[in-house]
């Protein structure tokens, strides 16, 4: 008796966020950066702002 094993590929992942969502998030982070320029953590928000911008261009 021969057993045949079939493997199915997982369903294709769907995007969780739209390009418009990235733009809104980037705008919110920009607003935060302007309001908290002297905050030591602002460099992390600045990096996030730029990563969101590169995600929009994809």
Protein backbone atom coordinates (compact mmCIF):
# COMPACT_ATOMS: atom_id res chain seq x y z
CA UNK A 1 0.00 0.00 0.00
CA UNK A 2 1.41 3.37 -1.02
CA UNK A 3 0.62 6.45 1.03
CA UNK A 4 0.65 9.80 -0.69
CA UNK A 5 1.29 12.88 1.38
CA UNK A 6 0.06 16.16 0.01
CA UNK A 7 1.39 19.39 1.37
CA UNK A 8 -0.50 22.58 0.97
CA UNK A 9 1.15 25.94 0.99
CA UNK A 10 -0.08 28.45 3.51
CA UNK A 11 -2.40 31.13 2.25
CA UNK A 12 -0.71 34.24 0.97
CA UNK A 13 -0.27 36.87 3.67
CA UNK A 14 -2.47 39.91 3.37
CA UNK A 15 -1.24 43.40 4.10
CA UNK A 16 -2.32 44.62 7.52
CA UNK A 17 -1.75 48.31 6.80
CA UNK A 18 -2.52 50.24 3.65
CA UNK A 19 -0.31 52.93 2.12
CA UNK A 20 -2.72 55.50 3.48
CA UNK A 21 -2.22 54.07 6.98
CA UNK A 22 1.54 54.52 6.63
CA UNK A 23 1.02 58.13 5.60
CA UNK A 24 -1.22 58.78 8.61
CA UNK A 25 1.27 57.15 10.97
CA UNK A 26 4.14 59.12 9.46
CA UNK A 27 2.19 62.36 9.89
CA UNK A 28 1.45 61.51 13.54
CA UNK A 29 5.13 60.74 14.20
CA UNK A 30 6.15 64.01 12.49
CA UNK A 31 3.76 65.93 14.73
CA UNK A 32 5.21 64.19 17.79
CA UNK A 33 8.75 65.03 16.70
CA UNK A 34 7.92 68.69 16.30
CA UNK A 35 6.33 68.82 19.76
CA UNK A 36 9.10 66.85 21.53
CA UNK A 37 12.34 67.93 19.85
CA UNK A 38 14.31 67.95 23.10
CA UNK A 39 13.18 64.51 24.25
CA UNK A 40 16.08 62.00 24.31
CA UNK A 41 13.89 59.31 22.71
CA UNK A 42 13.08 61.55 19.74
CA UNK A 43 15.92 59.99 17.71
CA UNK A 44 14.04 56.68 17.77
CA UNK A 45 10.91 58.44 16.53
CA UNK A 46 12.95 60.12 13.83
CA UNK A 47 14.18 56.72 12.63
CA UNK A 48 10.60 55.44 12.67
CA UNK A 49 9.48 58.46 10.65
CA UNK A 50 12.04 57.67 7.94
CA UNK A 51 11.21 53.95 7.91
CA UNK A 52 7.54 54.79 7.44
CA UNK A 53 8.49 57.04 4.54
CA UNK A 54 10.42 54.25 2.84
CA UNK A 55 7.49 51.87 3.39
CA UNK A 56 5.18 54.28 1.57
CA UNK A 57 7.43 54.30 -1.51
CA UNK A 58 7.28 50.51 -1.91
